[in-house]
Amino acid sequence: MPCAILPCARVTWILPLVALAACSSPESPEIATAAPPTGATQGGASEQWETLFDGEDLSRFHPIGDANWAIVDGAARADAGSGFLVSNADYGDFDLELEFFVSPDANSGVFLRCSNPEDVADTSCYEVNIFDTRPDQTYRTGGIVHIAAPSATLNSGGRWNTYEISADGPHLTVVLNDVALVDVEDEMFARGPIALQYGAGTVMFRNVRIRPH
C-alpha cells in the first residue's frame, strides 16, 4: 500500500518476532497523541494500577492461534488469522481499563477469568463482546456473551472506544464510552487470565491496565 495514503508507521511484529517498518492501514487512525483512559472504577485507594500493555511491550501476554498481532504506533493490532493475546498472570477480582479500535466488520472481545488459558472460548471465560454486527444481537458489543445483554445499543466501529470492566466476586459490570451497559451477578468463573481477541476485520488495543482487588 503506498505511503501517500498515511504517514509510515513503525511496526514491531509479535508473530514472528522480527522488527519491520511498514505503512499502517487506512483504517488505522493516528494513535500517538491520545491520552490513556480516565474513567472511574471501583476499588480502594490503596490498590495500585498495573500496566498490562504500554504500547511498546507485550511481554505480559502470550499469543495463541495465528492472528498476526503487531505493535503499530502504540497499539497491538491484528487484521488476519484468528487468536488471542492471553495474560501470563491470573486475576480474580479487579478493575480493568483499555481502549480499542475496530473496523465496522470486526469481531473481537475481552475475555475474563478464563478457566483454560490455552483454550479461550465464550464457554470457558466471561466474554465482554466487541461485535457490532453479531448475527444474534442479544450479546452484541457491550454485552457478556451467554450472561447479560447490553442495556443500550452502542456501535464501536471506526473509532477508538474505552472499556471499563469490573469483576468483584460474582458482581460484573461493563461500561463502554462512559455508558453503563451491564450490571449482573454470576458465579460461573472465579479466576483466570485475561485474553484479547482477534476474530475478523481490523482490531487494535492500547492503554491496557488492571487494578486487582
C-alpha atoms as a PDB file:
ATOM      1  CA  MET A   1       0.000   0.000   0.000  1.00  0.00           C
ATOM      2  CA  PRO A   2       1.585   3.366  -0.924  1.00  0.00           C
ATOM      3  CA  CYS A   3       2.733   5.596   1.899  1.00  0.00           C
ATOM      4  CA  ALA A   4       0.930   8.553   0.342  1.00  0.00           C
ATOM      5  CA  ILE A   5      -2.299   7.411   1.996  1.00  0.00           C
ATOM      6  CA  LEU A   6      -0.988   7.725   5.539  1.00  0.00           C
ATOM      7  CA  PRO A   7       2.420   8.517   7.086  1.00  0.00           C
ATOM      8  CA  CYS A   8       4.576   5.449   7.539  1.00  0.00           C
ATOM      9  CA  ALA A   9       4.022   3.834  10.922  1.00  0.00           C
ATOM     10  CA  ARG A  10       6.629   1.927  12.862  1.00  0.00           C
ATOM     11  CA  VAL A  11       5.617  -1.715  13.233  1.00  0.00           C
ATOM     12  CA  THR A  12       7.036  -4.380  15.522  1.00  0.00           C
ATOM     13  CA  TRP A  13       5.690  -7.832  14.599  1.00  0.00           C
ATOM     14  CA  ILE A  14       4.796 -10.074  17.502  1.00  0.00           C
ATOM     15  CA  LEU A  15       4.423 -13.280  15.427  1.00  0.00           C
ATOM     16  CA  PRO A  16       7.145 -13.827  14.275  1.00  0.00           C
ATOM     17  CA  LEU A  17       9.409 -11.660  16.418  1.00  0.00           C
ATOM     18  CA  VAL A  18      11.044  -9.602  13.653  1.00  0.00           C
ATOM     19  CA  ALA A  19      11.254  -5.775  13.657  1.00  0.00           C
ATOM     20  CA  LEU A  20       9.886  -4.190  10.482  1.00  0.00           C
ATOM     21  CA  ALA A  21       8.988  -0.748   9.187  1.00  0.00           C
ATOM     22  CA  ALA A  22       5.706  -0.636   7.276  1.00  0.00           C
ATOM     23  CA  CYS A  23       2.812   1.636   6.373  1.00  0.00           C
ATOM     24  CA  SER A  24      -0.289   1.269   8.541  1.00  0.00           C
ATOM     25  CA  SER A  25      -3.740   0.555   7.089  1.00  0.00           C
ATOM     26  CA  PRO A  26      -6.060   3.401   6.064  1.00  0.00           C
ATOM     27  CA  GLU A  27      -8.341   2.115   8.788  1.00  0.00           C
ATOM     28  CA  SER A  28      -5.707   2.910  11.431  1.00  0.00           C
ATOM     29  CA  PRO A  29      -6.129   6.425  12.910  1.00  0.00           C
ATOM     30  CA  GLU A  30      -3.336   8.434  14.474  1.00  0.00           C
ATOM     31  CA  ILE A  31      -2.537   6.856  17.826  1.00  0.00           C
ATOM     32  CA  ALA A  32       0.423   8.540  19.481  1.00  0.00           C
ATOM     33  CA  THR A  33      -1.362  11.681  20.690  1.00  0.00           C
ATOM     34  CA  ALA A  34      -4.246  10.015  22.546  1.00  0.00           C
ATOM     35  CA  ALA A  35      -4.467  10.056  26.342  1.00  0.00           C
ATOM     36  CA  PRO A  36      -4.987   6.887  28.415  1.00  0.00           C
ATOM     37  CA  PRO A  37      -8.460   6.047  29.725  1.00  0.00           C
ATOM     38  CA  THR A  38      -9.530   8.065  32.761  1.00  0.00           C
ATOM     39  CA  GLY A  39     -12.929   6.630  33.702  1.00  0.00           C
ATOM     40  CA  ALA A  40     -13.648   5.984  37.376  1.00  0.00           C
ATOM     41  CA  THR A  41     -13.874   2.391  38.526  1.00  0.00           C
ATOM     42  CA  GLN A  42     -14.445   0.627  41.800  1.00  0.00           C
ATOM     43  CA  GLY A  43     -11.668  -0.192  44.252  1.00  0.00           C
ATOM     44  CA  GLY A  44      -9.938   1.120  47.342  1.00  0.00           C
ATOM     45  CA  ALA A  45      -7.374   3.909  47.346  1.00  0.00           C
ATOM     46  CA  SER A  46      -4.597   1.546  48.426  1.00  0.00           C
ATOM     47  CA  GLU A  47      -4.966  -0.622  45.319  1.00  0.00           C
ATOM     48  CA  GLN A  48      -2.449   0.051  42.565  1.00  0.00           C
ATOM     49  CA  TRP A  49      -2.959   0.018  38.808  1.00  0.00           C
ATOM     50  CA  GLU A  50      -0.731  -2.367  36.851  1.00  0.00           C
ATOM     51  CA  THR A  51       0.085  -1.690  33.212  1.00  0.00           C
ATOM     52  CA  LEU A  52      -0.510  -4.785  31.084  1.00  0.00           C
ATOM     53  CA  PHE A  53       0.303  -3.117  27.771  1.00  0.00           C
ATOM     54  CA  ASP A  54       2.025   0.267  27.490  1.00  0.00           C
ATOM     55  CA  GLY A  55       2.251   0.475  23.707  1.00  0.00           C
ATOM     56  CA  GLU A  56       5.777  -0.899  23.488  1.00  0.00           C
ATOM     57  CA  ASP A  57       5.979  -4.189  25.365  1.00  0.00           C
ATOM     58  CA  LEU A  58       3.644  -7.215  25.138  1.00  0.00           C
ATOM     59  CA  SER A  59       5.758  -9.366  27.462  1.00  0.00           C
ATOM     60  CA  ARG A  60       2.865  -9.706  29.945  1.00  0.00           C
ATOM     61  CA  PHE A  61       0.869 -11.593  27.296  1.00  0.00           C
ATOM     62  CA  HIS A  62       1.433 -14.670  25.174  1.00  0.00           C
ATOM     63  CA  PRO A  63      -0.329 -15.346  21.867  1.00  0.00           C
ATOM     64  CA  ILE A  64      -2.412 -18.390  20.988  1.00  0.00           C
ATOM     65  CA  GLY A  65      -3.750 -19.007  17.491  1.00  0.00           C
ATOM     66  CA  ASP A  66      -2.355 -17.485  14.305  1.00  0.00           C
ATOM     67  CA  ALA A  67      -3.566 -13.868  14.440  1.00  0.00           C
ATOM     68  CA  ASN A  68      -0.902 -11.523  13.021  1.00  0.00           C
ATOM     69  CA  TRP A  69      -0.511  -9.351  16.128  1.00  0.00           C
ATOM     70  CA  ALA A  70       1.899  -6.446  15.721  1.00  0.00           C
ATOM     71  CA  ILE A  71       2.657  -3.286  17.676  1.00  0.00           C
ATOM     72  CA  VAL A  72       1.714  -0.333  15.455  1.00  0.00           C
ATOM     73  CA  ASP A  73       2.200   3.187  16.851  1.00  0.00           C
ATOM     74  CA  GLY A  74       1.493   2.143  20.414  1.00  0.00           C
ATOM     75  CA  ALA A  75      -1.347  -0.312  19.767  1.00  0.00           C
ATOM     76  CA  ALA A  76      -1.499  -4.101  19.490  1.00  0.00           C
ATOM     77  CA  ARG A  77      -3.029  -4.622  16.040  1.00  0.00           C
ATOM     78  CA  ALA A  78      -4.253  -7.638  14.046  1.00  0.00           C
ATOM     79  CA  ASP A  79      -6.094  -7.936  10.745  1.00  0.00           C
ATOM     80  CA  ALA A  80      -5.641 -11.572   9.701  1.00  0.00           C
ATOM     81  CA  GLY A  81      -5.741 -15.050  11.195  1.00  0.00           C
ATOM     82  CA  SER A  82      -7.548 -15.848  14.419  1.00  0.00           C
ATOM     83  CA  GLY A  83      -6.423 -15.910  18.020  1.00  0.00           C
ATOM     84  CA  PHE A  84      -5.808 -14.196  21.335  1.00  0.00           C
ATOM     85  CA  LEU A  85      -3.296 -12.330  23.431  1.00  0.00           C
ATOM     86  CA  VAL A  86      -3.542 -14.087  26.826  1.00  0.00           C
ATOM     87  CA  SER A  87      -2.199 -12.546  30.022  1.00  0.00           C
ATOM     88  CA  ASN A  88       0.551 -14.518  31.728  1.00  0.00           C
ATOM     89  CA  ALA A  89      -0.983 -13.816  35.152  1.00  0.00           C
ATOM     90  CA  ASP A  90      -4.336 -14.883  36.573  1.00  0.00           C
ATOM     91  CA  TYR A  91      -6.810 -12.417  38.068  1.00  0.00           C
ATOM     92  CA  GLY A  92      -9.837 -12.881  40.295  1.00  0.00           C
ATOM     93  CA  ASP A  93     -11.333  -9.565  41.415  1.00  0.00           C
ATOM     94  CA  PHE A  94     -10.195  -6.489  39.518  1.00  0.00           C
ATOM     95  CA  ASP A  95     -10.951  -3.318  37.608  1.00  0.00           C
ATOM     96  CA  LEU A  96      -9.787  -3.380  34.003  1.00  0.00           C
ATOM     97  CA  GLU A  97      -9.491  -0.412  31.647  1.00  0.00           C
ATOM     98  CA  LEU A  98      -8.467  -0.434  27.990  1.00  0.00           C
ATOM     99  CA  GLU A  99      -9.024   1.285  24.682  1.00  0.00           C
ATOM    100  CA  PHE A 100      -9.912  -0.496  21.466  1.00  0.00           C
ATOM    101  CA  PHE A 101     -10.357   0.390  17.805  1.00  0.00           C
ATOM    102  CA  VAL A 102     -12.262  -1.905  15.454  1.00  0.00           C
ATOM    103  CA  SER A 103     -13.377  -1.676  11.854  1.00  0.00           C
ATOM    104  CA  PRO A 104     -17.179  -1.887  11.435  1.00  0.00           C
ATOM    105  CA  ASP A 105     -16.943  -5.551  10.345  1.00  0.00           C
ATOM    106  CA  ALA A 106     -14.706  -6.618  13.240  1.00  0.00           C
ATOM    107  CA  ASN A 107     -15.247  -9.499  15.643  1.00  0.00           C
ATOM    108  CA  SER A 108     -13.329  -9.177  18.903  1.00  0.00           C
ATOM    109  CA  GLY A 109     -13.779  -9.306  22.643  1.00  0.00           C
ATOM    110  CA  VAL A 110     -12.210  -9.092  26.076  1.00  0.00           C
ATOM    111  CA  PHE A 111     -12.235 -12.459  27.867  1.00  0.00           C
ATOM    112  CA  LEU A 112     -12.104 -12.610  31.675  1.00  0.00           C
ATOM    113  CA  ARG A 113     -11.299 -15.290  34.273  1.00  0.00           C
ATOM    114  CA  CYS A 114     -10.517 -17.903  31.614  1.00  0.00           C
ATOM    115  CA  SER A 115     -10.515 -21.410  33.063  1.00  0.00           C
ATOM    116  CA  ASN A 116      -8.097 -22.740  30.401  1.00  0.00           C
ATOM    117  CA  PRO A 117      -5.532 -20.227  29.101  1.00  0.00           C
ATOM    118  CA  GLU A 118      -4.720 -22.428  26.100  1.00  0.00           C
ATOM    119  CA  ASP A 119      -8.353 -22.880  25.017  1.00  0.00           C
ATOM    120  CA  VAL A 120     -10.044 -19.496  25.265  1.00  0.00           C
ATOM    121  CA  ALA A 121     -13.760 -19.506  24.421  1.00  0.00           C
ATOM    122  CA  ASP A 122     -17.025 -17.869  25.466  1.00  0.00           C
ATOM    123  CA  THR A 123     -17.856 -21.118  27.297  1.00  0.00           C
ATOM    124  CA  SER A 124     -14.658 -21.150  29.386  1.00  0.00           C
ATOM    125  CA  CYS A 125     -14.397 -17.413  30.153  1.00  0.00           C
ATOM    126  CA  TYR A 126     -16.606 -14.374  30.506  1.00  0.00           C
ATOM    127  CA  GLU A 127     -16.546 -12.682  27.086  1.00  0.00           C
ATOM    128  CA  VAL A 128     -17.201  -8.948  27.067  1.00  0.00           C
ATOM    129  CA  ASN A 129     -18.086  -8.711  23.402  1.00  0.00           C
ATOM    130  CA  ILE A 130     -16.868  -6.365  20.662  1.00  0.00           C
ATOM    131  CA  PHE A 131     -19.050  -7.360  17.714  1.00  0.00           C
ATOM    132  CA  ASP A 132     -21.382  -4.684  16.347  1.00  0.00           C
ATOM    133  CA  THR A 133     -22.662  -6.936  13.538  1.00  0.00           C
ATOM    134  CA  ARG A 134     -23.188 -10.112  15.585  1.00  0.00           C
ATOM    135  CA  PRO A 135     -25.949 -12.113  13.842  1.00  0.00           C
ATOM    136  CA  ASP A 136     -27.731 -12.627  17.166  1.00  0.00           C
ATOM    137  CA  GLN A 137     -27.689  -9.098  18.545  1.00  0.00           C
ATOM    138  CA  THR A 138     -28.586 -10.246  22.075  1.00  0.00           C
ATOM    139  CA  TYR A 139     -24.956 -10.309  23.174  1.00  0.00           C
ATOM    140  CA  ARG A 140     -23.510  -7.691  20.833  1.00  0.00           C
ATOM    141  CA  THR A 141     -20.852  -5.106  21.725  1.00  0.00           C
ATOM    142  CA  GLY A 142     -21.020  -4.272  25.433  1.00  0.00           C
ATOM    143  CA  GLY A 143     -22.725  -7.491  26.495  1.00  0.00           C
ATOM    144  CA  ILE A 144     -21.287 -10.518  28.284  1.00  0.00           C
ATOM    145  CA  VAL A 145     -21.935 -13.469  25.992  1.00  0.00           C
ATOM    146  CA  HIS A 146     -24.431 -16.001  27.441  1.00  0.00           C
ATOM    147  CA  ILE A 147     -24.696 -13.928  30.636  1.00  0.00           C
ATOM    148  CA  ALA A 148     -26.001 -10.381  30.095  1.00  0.00           C
ATOM    149  CA  ALA A 149     -27.272  -8.353  27.157  1.00  0.00           C
ATOM    150  CA  PRO A 150     -26.134  -4.721  26.971  1.00  0.00           C
ATOM    151  CA  SER A 151     -28.714  -2.227  28.231  1.00  0.00           C
ATOM    152  CA  ALA A 152     -28.188   0.006  25.170  1.00  0.00           C
ATOM    153  CA  THR A 153     -27.043  -0.371  21.573  1.00  0.00           C
ATOM    154  CA  LEU A 154     -23.699   1.360  21.033  1.00  0.00           C
ATOM    155  CA  ASN A 155     -21.702   0.869  17.846  1.00  0.00           C
ATOM    156  CA  SER A 156     -17.933   0.862  18.214  1.00  0.00           C
ATOM    157  CA  GLY A 157     -16.713   0.507  14.624  1.00  0.00           C
ATOM    158  CA  GLY A 158     -14.402   3.053  13.059  1.00  0.00           C
ATOM    159  CA  ARG A 159     -13.249   4.877  16.206  1.00  0.00           C
ATOM    160  CA  TRP A 160     -11.400   4.477  19.472  1.00  0.00           C
ATOM    161  CA  ASN A 161     -13.513   3.315  22.415  1.00  0.00           C
ATOM    162  CA  THR A 162     -12.938   2.821  26.140  1.00  0.00           C
ATOM    163  CA  TYR A 163     -13.989  -0.228  28.153  1.00  0.00           C
ATOM    164  CA  GLU A 164     -14.162  -0.116  31.958  1.00  0.00           C
ATOM    165  CA  ILE A 165     -14.805  -3.612  33.295  1.00  0.00           C
ATOM    166  CA  SER A 166     -15.059  -4.669  36.941  1.00  0.00           C
ATOM    167  CA  ALA A 167     -15.216  -8.132  38.493  1.00  0.00           C
ATOM    168  CA  ASP A 168     -15.852  -8.261  42.241  1.00  0.00           C
ATOM    169  CA  GLY A 169     -16.777 -11.761  43.309  1.00  0.00           C
ATOM    170  CA  PRO A 170     -19.946 -12.599  41.357  1.00  0.00           C
ATOM    171  CA  HIS A 171     -20.600  -8.929  40.565  1.00  0.00           C
ATOM    172  CA  LEU A 172     -19.659  -7.982  36.978  1.00  0.00           C
ATOM    173  CA  THR A 173     -20.033  -4.537  35.407  1.00  0.00           C
ATOM    174  CA  VAL A 174     -19.256  -3.197  31.935  1.00  0.00           C
ATOM    175  CA  VAL A 175     -19.040   0.478  30.955  1.00  0.00           C
ATOM    176  CA  LEU A 176     -18.474   1.418  27.300  1.00  0.00           C
ATOM    177  CA  ASN A 177     -17.569   5.028  26.500  1.00  0.00           C
ATOM    178  CA  ASP A 178     -18.941   6.153  29.893  1.00  0.00           C
ATOM    179  CA  VAL A 179     -22.271   4.348  29.346  1.00  0.00           C
ATOM    180  CA  ALA A 180     -23.089   1.580  31.875  1.00  0.00           C
ATOM    181  CA  LEU A 181     -24.233  -1.439  29.851  1.00  0.00           C
ATOM    182  CA  VAL A 182     -24.009  -4.445  32.200  1.00  0.00           C
ATOM    183  CA  ASP A 183     -24.509  -4.883  35.948  1.00  0.00           C
ATOM    184  CA  VAL A 184     -25.006  -8.552  36.714  1.00  0.00           C
ATOM    185  CA  GLU A 185     -24.281 -11.306  39.254  1.00  0.00           C
ATOM    186  CA  ASP A 186     -22.825 -14.619  38.073  1.00  0.00           C
ATOM    187  CA  GLU A 187     -20.641 -17.271  39.723  1.00  0.00           C
ATOM    188  CA  MET A 188     -19.545 -19.382  36.753  1.00  0.00           C
ATOM    189  CA  PHE A 189     -15.888 -18.298  36.689  1.00  0.00           C
ATOM    190  CA  ALA A 190     -13.865 -17.114  39.681  1.00  0.00           C
ATOM    191  CA  ARG A 191     -10.308 -16.604  38.457  1.00  0.00           C
ATOM    192  CA  GLY A 192      -8.101 -16.846  35.401  1.00  0.00           C
ATOM    193  CA  PRO A 193      -6.158 -14.881  32.805  1.00  0.00           C
ATOM    194  CA  ILE A 194      -7.483 -12.087  30.604  1.00  0.00           C
ATOM    195  CA  ALA A 195      -7.481 -12.530  26.819  1.00  0.00           C
ATOM    196  CA  LEU A 196      -7.800 -10.012  23.979  1.00  0.00           C
ATOM    197  CA  GLN A 197      -9.369 -11.480  20.852  1.00  0.00           C
ATOM    198  CA  TYR A 198      -8.845 -11.115  17.137  1.00  0.00           C
ATOM    199  CA  GLY A 199     -11.590 -12.745  15.093  1.00  0.00           C
ATOM    200  CA  ALA A 200     -12.264 -10.619  11.985  1.00  0.00           C
ATOM    201  CA  GLY A 201     -11.789  -7.165  10.476  1.00  0.00           C
ATOM    202  CA  THR A 202      -9.177  -4.841  11.944  1.00  0.00           C
ATOM    203  CA  VAL A 203      -8.708  -4.844  15.729  1.00  0.00           C
ATOM    204  CA  MET A 204      -6.420  -2.719  17.901  1.00  0.00           C
ATOM    205  CA  PHE A 205      -5.922  -2.463  21.673  1.00  0.00           C
ATOM    206  CA  ARG A 206      -3.938   0.093  23.671  1.00  0.00           C
ATOM    207  CA  ASN A 207      -3.552   1.505  27.204  1.00  0.00           C
ATOM    208  CA  VAL A 208      -4.437  -1.782  28.906  1.00  0.00           C
ATOM    209  CA  ARG A 209      -4.234  -1.626  32.697  1.00  0.00           C
ATOM    210  CA  ILE A 210      -5.652  -3.541  35.642  1.00  0.00           C
ATOM    211  CA  ARG A 211      -6.205  -2.898  39.342  1.00  0.00           C
ATOM    212  CA  PRO A 212      -6.515  -6.162  41.319  1.00  0.00           C
ATOM    213  CA  HIS A 213      -8.712  -6.018  44.440  1.00  0.00           C
END
